[in-house]
N, C-alpha and C. Protein backbone atom coordinates (compact mmCIF):
# COMPACT_ATOMS: atom_id res chain seq x y z
N MET A 1 -63.25 26.15 25.96
CA MET A 1 -63.41 24.58 25.49
C MET A 1 -62.80 23.72 26.38
N LYS A 2 -63.51 22.66 26.69
CA LYS A 2 -63.21 21.86 27.70
C LYS A 2 -62.10 20.83 27.28
N PRO A 3 -61.25 20.34 27.95
CA PRO A 3 -60.29 19.39 27.42
C PRO A 3 -61.01 17.87 26.98
N HIS A 4 -62.07 17.44 27.84
CA HIS A 4 -62.72 16.22 27.23
C HIS A 4 -63.46 16.26 25.83
N ILE A 5 -63.97 17.60 25.58
CA ILE A 5 -64.79 17.91 24.29
C ILE A 5 -63.50 17.96 22.96
N ARG A 6 -62.59 18.70 23.64
CA ARG A 6 -61.53 18.69 22.50
C ARG A 6 -61.25 16.83 22.26
N ALA A 7 -60.56 16.34 23.04
CA ALA A 7 -60.40 15.06 22.77
C ALA A 7 -61.37 14.12 22.06
N ARG A 8 -62.81 14.56 22.12
CA ARG A 8 -63.68 13.48 21.66
C ARG A 8 -63.77 13.93 20.32
N ARG A 9 -63.65 15.36 19.82
CA ARG A 9 -63.11 15.62 18.48
C ARG A 9 -62.23 15.09 17.83
N THR A 10 -61.05 15.51 18.32
CA THR A 10 -59.96 14.70 17.83
C THR A 10 -59.98 12.99 17.53
N LEU A 11 -60.61 12.54 18.46
CA LEU A 11 -61.14 10.97 18.36
C LEU A 11 -61.87 10.96 16.92
N SER A 12 -63.13 12.00 16.91
CA SER A 12 -63.68 11.59 15.86
C SER A 12 -62.71 11.83 14.36
N VAL A 13 -62.16 12.55 14.19
CA VAL A 13 -61.63 13.20 13.09
C VAL A 13 -60.72 12.17 12.85
N VAL A 14 -59.93 11.51 13.87
CA VAL A 14 -59.13 10.24 13.64
C VAL A 14 -60.04 9.30 13.00
N ALA A 15 -61.08 8.60 13.67
CA ALA A 15 -61.87 7.57 13.28
C ALA A 15 -62.34 7.83 11.85
N ALA A 16 -62.73 8.82 11.64
CA ALA A 16 -63.08 9.28 10.19
C ALA A 16 -62.00 9.09 9.15
N ALA A 17 -60.88 9.58 9.35
CA ALA A 17 -59.78 9.15 8.75
C ALA A 17 -59.48 7.86 8.17
N VAL A 18 -59.43 7.30 9.57
CA VAL A 18 -59.23 5.49 9.25
C VAL A 18 -60.25 5.10 8.37
N ALA A 19 -61.61 5.43 8.47
CA ALA A 19 -62.92 4.98 7.87
C ALA A 19 -62.51 5.39 6.40
N THR A 20 -62.04 6.57 6.17
CA THR A 20 -61.85 6.74 4.53
C THR A 20 -60.86 6.14 4.16
N LEU A 21 -59.79 5.72 4.63
CA LEU A 21 -58.59 5.14 3.99
C LEU A 21 -59.01 3.61 4.00
N SER A 22 -59.66 2.99 4.99
CA SER A 22 -59.88 1.28 4.77
C SER A 22 -61.13 1.75 3.49
N LEU A 23 -61.99 2.29 3.25
CA LEU A 23 -62.98 2.55 2.00
C LEU A 23 -62.08 2.89 1.02
N GLY A 24 -61.30 3.32 0.93
CA GLY A 24 -60.30 3.51 -0.37
C GLY A 24 -59.36 2.20 -0.62
N ALA A 25 -59.08 1.53 0.42
CA ALA A 25 -58.37 0.40 0.09
C ALA A 25 -59.58 -0.75 -0.55
N CYS A 26 -60.44 -0.58 0.06
CA CYS A 26 -61.62 -1.89 -0.44
C CYS A 26 -62.16 -1.36 -1.91
N ASP A 27 -62.11 -0.30 -2.23
CA ASP A 27 -62.38 0.17 -3.46
C ASP A 27 -61.05 -0.37 -4.43
N MET A 28 -59.84 -0.39 -4.30
CA MET A 28 -58.77 -0.84 -4.94
C MET A 28 -58.75 -2.33 -5.04
N TRP A 29 -59.11 -2.66 -3.78
CA TRP A 29 -59.43 -4.16 -4.14
C TRP A 29 -60.33 -4.52 -4.81
N LYS A 30 -61.48 -3.96 -4.88
CA LYS A 30 -62.81 -4.27 -5.99
C LYS A 30 -62.33 -4.09 -7.55
N ASP A 31 -61.51 -3.01 -7.78
CA ASP A 31 -61.15 -2.54 -8.99
C ASP A 31 -60.60 -3.76 -9.61
N GLY A 32 -59.88 -4.54 -8.52
CA GLY A 32 -58.48 -5.35 -9.63
C GLY A 32 -57.00 -4.63 -9.18
N THR A 33 -57.00 -3.61 -8.71
CA THR A 33 -55.80 -2.99 -8.97
C THR A 33 -54.94 -3.64 -8.05
N SER A 34 -55.49 -4.38 -6.99
CA SER A 34 -54.74 -5.19 -6.00
C SER A 34 -54.61 -6.82 -6.49
N ALA A 35 -55.08 -7.44 -7.51
CA ALA A 35 -55.29 -8.47 -8.03
C ALA A 35 -54.22 -9.55 -7.48
N GLN A 36 -53.05 -9.16 -7.53
CA GLN A 36 -51.75 -10.01 -7.34
C GLN A 36 -51.50 -10.23 -5.82
N ALA A 37 -52.34 -9.46 -4.84
CA ALA A 37 -52.08 -9.76 -3.37
C ALA A 37 -52.60 -11.03 -2.90
N PRO A 38 -53.73 -11.86 -3.38
CA PRO A 38 -54.17 -12.84 -2.99
C PRO A 38 -53.31 -13.86 -3.38
N ALA A 39 -52.63 -14.08 -4.42
CA ALA A 39 -51.64 -14.99 -5.18
C ALA A 39 -50.28 -15.12 -4.16
N LYS A 40 -50.17 -13.74 -3.89
CA LYS A 40 -48.78 -13.34 -3.20
C LYS A 40 -49.00 -14.63 -1.47
N ILE A 41 -50.27 -13.95 -1.16
CA ILE A 41 -50.53 -14.11 0.34
C ILE A 41 -50.57 -16.13 0.13
N GLU A 42 -51.06 -16.67 -0.83
CA GLU A 42 -51.34 -17.86 -0.72
C GLU A 42 -49.97 -18.51 -1.14
N MET A 43 -48.95 -18.03 -1.69
CA MET A 43 -47.61 -18.51 -2.31
C MET A 43 -46.74 -18.27 -0.87
N ALA A 44 -47.23 -17.20 -0.12
CA ALA A 44 -46.37 -17.35 1.33
C ALA A 44 -46.82 -18.09 2.36
N LYS A 45 -48.15 -18.92 2.26
CA LYS A 45 -48.66 -19.52 3.01
C LYS A 45 -48.16 -20.89 2.60
N SER A 46 -48.19 -21.28 1.31
CA SER A 46 -47.59 -22.66 1.13
C SER A 46 -45.78 -22.60 0.90
N ASN A 47 -45.23 -21.84 0.85
CA ASN A 47 -43.53 -21.64 0.76
C ASN A 47 -43.02 -20.09 1.29
N PRO A 48 -42.82 -20.30 2.92
CA PRO A 48 -42.57 -18.90 3.59
C PRO A 48 -41.23 -18.68 2.87
N VAL A 49 -40.36 -19.93 2.55
CA VAL A 49 -39.15 -19.77 2.51
C VAL A 49 -38.80 -18.56 0.97
N GLU A 50 -39.51 -18.99 0.08
CA GLU A 50 -39.46 -18.24 -1.26
C GLU A 50 -39.77 -16.88 -0.90
N MET A 51 -40.79 -16.47 0.06
CA MET A 51 -41.16 -15.02 0.07
C MET A 51 -40.26 -14.49 0.67
N ALA A 52 -39.28 -14.92 1.62
CA ALA A 52 -38.19 -14.15 2.42
C ALA A 52 -37.24 -13.66 1.73
N PRO A 53 -37.00 -12.52 1.93
CA PRO A 53 -35.96 -11.54 1.12
C PRO A 53 -34.52 -12.34 1.32
N LYS A 54 -34.23 -12.15 0.16
CA LYS A 54 -32.62 -13.08 -0.08
C LYS A 54 -31.46 -12.01 0.55
N PRO A 55 -30.61 -12.55 1.22
CA PRO A 55 -29.66 -11.50 1.53
C PRO A 55 -28.79 -11.42 0.40
N ILE A 56 -28.26 -10.25 0.53
CA ILE A 56 -27.52 -9.32 -0.20
C ILE A 56 -26.03 -9.82 -0.19
N GLU A 57 -25.37 -10.43 -1.45
CA GLU A 57 -23.93 -10.49 -0.86
C GLU A 57 -23.03 -9.42 -1.45
N PRO A 58 -22.15 -9.00 -0.37
CA PRO A 58 -21.35 -8.05 -0.64
C PRO A 58 -20.48 -7.99 -1.84
N ALA A 59 -20.56 -6.95 -2.48
CA ALA A 59 -19.62 -6.94 -3.71
C ALA A 59 -18.07 -7.37 -3.42
N VAL A 60 -17.39 -7.94 -4.09
CA VAL A 60 -15.99 -8.23 -4.12
C VAL A 60 -15.03 -7.22 -4.52
N ASP A 61 -14.51 -6.83 -3.84
CA ASP A 61 -13.53 -5.71 -4.13
C ASP A 61 -12.35 -6.26 -4.87
N GLU A 62 -12.26 -6.20 -6.22
CA GLU A 62 -11.05 -6.98 -7.10
C GLU A 62 -9.72 -6.49 -6.74
N ASN A 63 -9.47 -5.30 -6.20
CA ASN A 63 -8.28 -4.63 -6.01
C ASN A 63 -7.89 -5.26 -4.86
N LYS A 64 -8.89 -5.06 -3.48
CA LYS A 64 -8.70 -5.82 -2.44
C LYS A 64 -8.26 -7.04 -2.32
N ALA A 65 -8.70 -7.69 -3.12
CA ALA A 65 -8.55 -9.16 -3.59
C ALA A 65 -7.19 -9.40 -4.02
N LEU A 66 -6.80 -8.61 -5.12
CA LEU A 66 -5.53 -8.69 -5.43
C LEU A 66 -4.47 -8.43 -4.53
N VAL A 67 -4.96 -7.18 -3.83
CA VAL A 67 -3.45 -7.02 -3.00
C VAL A 67 -3.27 -7.81 -1.91
N GLY A 68 -4.31 -8.46 -1.49
CA GLY A 68 -4.27 -9.85 -0.49
C GLY A 68 -3.45 -10.70 -1.00
N LYS A 69 -3.59 -11.15 -2.39
CA LYS A 69 -2.86 -12.06 -3.07
C LYS A 69 -1.49 -11.70 -3.25
N VAL A 70 -1.01 -10.54 -3.41
CA VAL A 70 0.47 -10.16 -3.71
C VAL A 70 0.86 -10.11 -2.05
N LYS A 71 0.16 -9.54 -1.15
CA LYS A 71 1.01 -9.51 0.05
C LYS A 71 1.21 -10.78 0.87
N SER A 72 0.12 -11.96 0.13
CA SER A 72 0.59 -13.36 0.79
C SER A 72 1.76 -13.72 -0.10
N ALA A 73 1.88 -13.54 -1.49
CA ALA A 73 3.06 -14.17 -2.08
C ALA A 73 4.48 -13.41 -1.48
N LEU A 74 4.38 -12.20 -1.34
CA LEU A 74 5.42 -11.79 -0.87
C LEU A 74 5.90 -12.15 0.78
N GLY A 75 4.90 -12.31 1.70
CA GLY A 75 5.04 -13.04 2.66
C GLY A 75 5.34 -14.44 2.48
N ALA A 76 5.24 -15.39 1.78
CA ALA A 76 5.48 -16.64 1.42
C ALA A 76 7.26 -16.72 1.18
N ASP A 77 7.62 -15.60 0.76
CA ASP A 77 9.28 -15.55 0.38
C ASP A 77 10.06 -15.09 1.72
N PRO A 78 10.85 -16.05 1.79
CA PRO A 78 11.62 -16.05 3.06
C PRO A 78 12.70 -14.84 3.08
N ALA A 79 13.12 -14.28 1.99
CA ALA A 79 13.99 -13.16 1.99
C ALA A 79 12.88 -11.60 1.95
N LEU A 80 11.59 -11.92 1.65
CA LEU A 80 10.77 -10.84 1.61
C LEU A 80 10.01 -10.38 2.79
N LYS A 81 9.89 -11.38 3.48
CA LYS A 81 8.84 -11.47 4.25
C LYS A 81 9.17 -10.53 5.71
N MET A 82 10.43 -10.17 5.76
CA MET A 82 10.93 -9.49 7.00
C MET A 82 11.11 -7.79 6.64
N LEU A 83 10.60 -7.73 5.37
CA LEU A 83 10.93 -6.07 4.61
C LEU A 83 9.32 -5.46 5.08
N ALA A 84 9.32 -4.31 4.83
CA ALA A 84 8.20 -3.65 5.25
C ALA A 84 7.66 -3.08 3.78
N ILE A 85 7.10 -3.98 3.62
CA ILE A 85 6.74 -3.82 2.15
C ILE A 85 4.77 -3.96 1.92
N ASP A 86 4.12 -2.66 1.77
CA ASP A 86 2.89 -2.48 1.30
C ASP A 86 2.59 -2.54 -0.08
N ALA A 87 1.34 -2.80 -0.41
CA ALA A 87 0.65 -2.92 -1.91
C ALA A 87 -0.21 -2.33 -1.98
N GLY A 88 -0.67 -1.64 -3.06
CA GLY A 88 -1.98 -1.05 -3.42
C GLY A 88 -2.20 -1.57 -5.03
N ALA A 89 -3.54 -1.77 -5.28
CA ALA A 89 -3.84 -2.25 -6.76
C ALA A 89 -4.84 -1.14 -7.47
N SER A 90 -4.93 -1.24 -8.34
CA SER A 90 -6.09 -0.19 -9.17
C SER A 90 -5.85 -1.05 -10.67
N ASP A 91 -7.12 -1.41 -11.06
CA ASP A 91 -7.44 -2.18 -12.13
C ASP A 91 -6.25 -3.19 -12.82
N GLY A 92 -5.80 -3.98 -11.63
CA GLY A 92 -4.60 -5.08 -11.98
C GLY A 92 -3.33 -4.43 -11.85
N VAL A 93 -3.10 -3.17 -11.80
CA VAL A 93 -1.90 -2.67 -11.56
C VAL A 93 -1.46 -2.24 -10.16
N VAL A 94 -0.40 -3.07 -9.87
CA VAL A 94 -0.21 -3.62 -8.30
C VAL A 94 1.05 -2.20 -8.10
N THR A 95 1.24 -1.79 -7.08
CA THR A 95 2.20 -0.50 -6.56
C THR A 95 2.61 -0.98 -5.52
N LEU A 96 4.06 -1.32 -5.53
CA LEU A 96 4.83 -1.73 -3.98
C LEU A 96 5.13 -0.50 -3.43
N TYR A 97 5.07 -0.42 -2.13
CA TYR A 97 5.46 0.98 -1.32
C TYR A 97 6.16 0.16 -0.15
N GLY A 98 7.24 1.01 0.32
CA GLY A 98 8.18 0.29 1.58
C GLY A 98 9.22 0.45 1.34
N THR A 99 10.46 -0.28 2.14
CA THR A 99 11.61 -0.17 1.95
C THR A 99 12.30 -1.74 1.50
N ALA A 100 13.30 -1.71 1.13
CA ALA A 100 14.03 -3.17 0.77
C ALA A 100 15.46 -2.75 1.26
N ASN A 101 16.33 -3.80 1.56
CA ASN A 101 17.35 -3.71 2.18
C ASN A 101 18.47 -3.86 1.31
N THR A 102 18.10 -4.48 0.16
CA THR A 102 19.27 -4.42 -1.08
C THR A 102 18.31 -4.20 -2.57
N LYS A 103 19.16 -3.98 -3.47
CA LYS A 103 18.47 -3.87 -4.54
C LYS A 103 17.89 -5.25 -5.29
N LYS A 104 18.53 -6.30 -4.94
CA LYS A 104 18.34 -7.62 -5.13
C LYS A 104 16.56 -7.97 -4.51
N ASN A 105 16.61 -7.55 -3.47
CA ASN A 105 15.33 -7.96 -2.85
C ASN A 105 14.49 -6.80 -3.44
N ARG A 106 14.39 -5.79 -3.92
CA ARG A 106 13.78 -4.76 -4.37
C ARG A 106 13.12 -5.33 -5.74
N ASP A 107 14.02 -5.69 -6.52
CA ASP A 107 13.90 -6.38 -7.61
C ASP A 107 12.93 -7.84 -7.51
N LYS A 108 13.43 -8.55 -6.63
CA LYS A 108 12.75 -9.82 -6.36
C LYS A 108 11.20 -9.59 -5.97
N ALA A 109 11.22 -8.57 -5.15
CA ALA A 109 9.71 -8.24 -4.69
C ALA A 109 8.73 -8.09 -5.92
N GLY A 110 9.18 -7.31 -6.97
CA GLY A 110 8.82 -7.22 -8.19
C GLY A 110 8.16 -8.20 -8.87
N LYS A 111 9.31 -9.23 -8.91
CA LYS A 111 9.11 -10.29 -9.76
C LYS A 111 8.08 -11.15 -9.31
N VAL A 112 8.04 -11.30 -7.95
CA VAL A 112 7.09 -11.79 -7.18
C VAL A 112 5.61 -11.51 -7.27
N ALA A 113 5.54 -9.90 -7.29
CA ALA A 113 4.33 -9.34 -7.16
C ALA A 113 3.79 -9.69 -8.76
N SER A 114 4.71 -9.70 -9.75
CA SER A 114 4.27 -9.73 -11.22
C SER A 114 3.95 -11.04 -11.38
N GLY A 115 4.38 -12.39 -10.85
CA GLY A 115 3.70 -13.44 -10.99
C GLY A 115 2.59 -13.78 -10.13
N VAL A 116 1.93 -12.89 -9.58
CA VAL A 116 0.51 -13.23 -9.25
C VAL A 116 -0.54 -13.50 -10.27
N PRO A 117 -1.35 -14.41 -10.01
CA PRO A 117 -2.57 -14.13 -11.32
C PRO A 117 -3.24 -13.01 -11.10
N GLY A 118 -3.63 -12.43 -12.13
CA GLY A 118 -4.37 -10.89 -11.93
C GLY A 118 -3.37 -10.12 -12.10
N VAL A 119 -2.29 -9.94 -12.00
CA VAL A 119 -1.65 -8.60 -11.91
C VAL A 119 -1.01 -8.53 -13.45
N LYS A 120 -1.88 -7.15 -13.77
CA LYS A 120 -1.34 -6.84 -15.47
C LYS A 120 0.01 -6.19 -15.25
N SER A 121 0.38 -5.43 -14.29
CA SER A 121 1.90 -4.80 -14.41
C SER A 121 2.31 -4.35 -12.88
N VAL A 122 3.55 -4.16 -12.76
CA VAL A 122 3.88 -3.56 -11.20
C VAL A 122 4.72 -2.36 -11.24
N LYS A 123 4.28 -1.15 -10.52
CA LYS A 123 4.75 -0.43 -10.09
C LYS A 123 5.74 -0.59 -8.71
N ASN A 124 7.14 -0.46 -9.20
CA ASN A 124 7.95 -0.79 -7.80
C ASN A 124 8.50 0.46 -7.04
N GLU A 125 7.81 0.76 -6.22
CA GLU A 125 8.28 2.20 -5.37
C GLU A 125 8.92 1.82 -4.21
N LEU A 126 9.71 0.76 -4.27
CA LEU A 126 10.31 0.13 -3.04
C LEU A 126 11.70 1.22 -3.06
N VAL A 127 11.97 2.01 -1.58
CA VAL A 127 13.09 2.22 -1.62
C VAL A 127 14.34 1.47 -0.98
N ILE A 128 15.45 1.51 -1.23
CA ILE A 128 16.62 0.91 -0.53
C ILE A 128 17.36 1.29 0.45
N VAL A 129 17.17 0.84 1.49
CA VAL A 129 17.51 1.63 2.76
C VAL A 129 18.29 0.38 3.79
N ALA A 130 19.61 0.54 3.71
CA ALA A 130 20.57 -0.37 4.42
C ALA A 130 19.84 -0.46 5.96
N GLY A 131 20.07 -1.61 6.16
CA GLY A 131 19.51 -2.30 7.41
C GLY A 131 17.99 -2.36 7.44
N SER A 132 17.30 -2.31 6.61
CA SER A 132 15.83 -2.51 6.59
C SER A 132 15.19 -3.54 6.62
């Protein structure tokens, strides 16, 4: 079979498929299954802002937000801001990790963390290391 004949047959098949799909869409329009389409088109013409997709706001991770507040509170205290203290949170329970140079600063870090709004309890895992 010659290539130009094969191309003509392929083109005929594609044209037939397009025509079939177009007629099917017209039948749906006449049946009323797409009756809402004209109203949406008119709405889009009159106010395109309403038809634009609304941006999805990212969900706020409450645990991350709480950890940020606790770290800010620890960093605001002059005696604690020089210590290597990290924090984690799960459902309002804050865990402090890292080192403190004295028992007094270890306890102070726990009290500061427990004073942050949203903190239900504090697990103080700070290790006392002289010179930290």
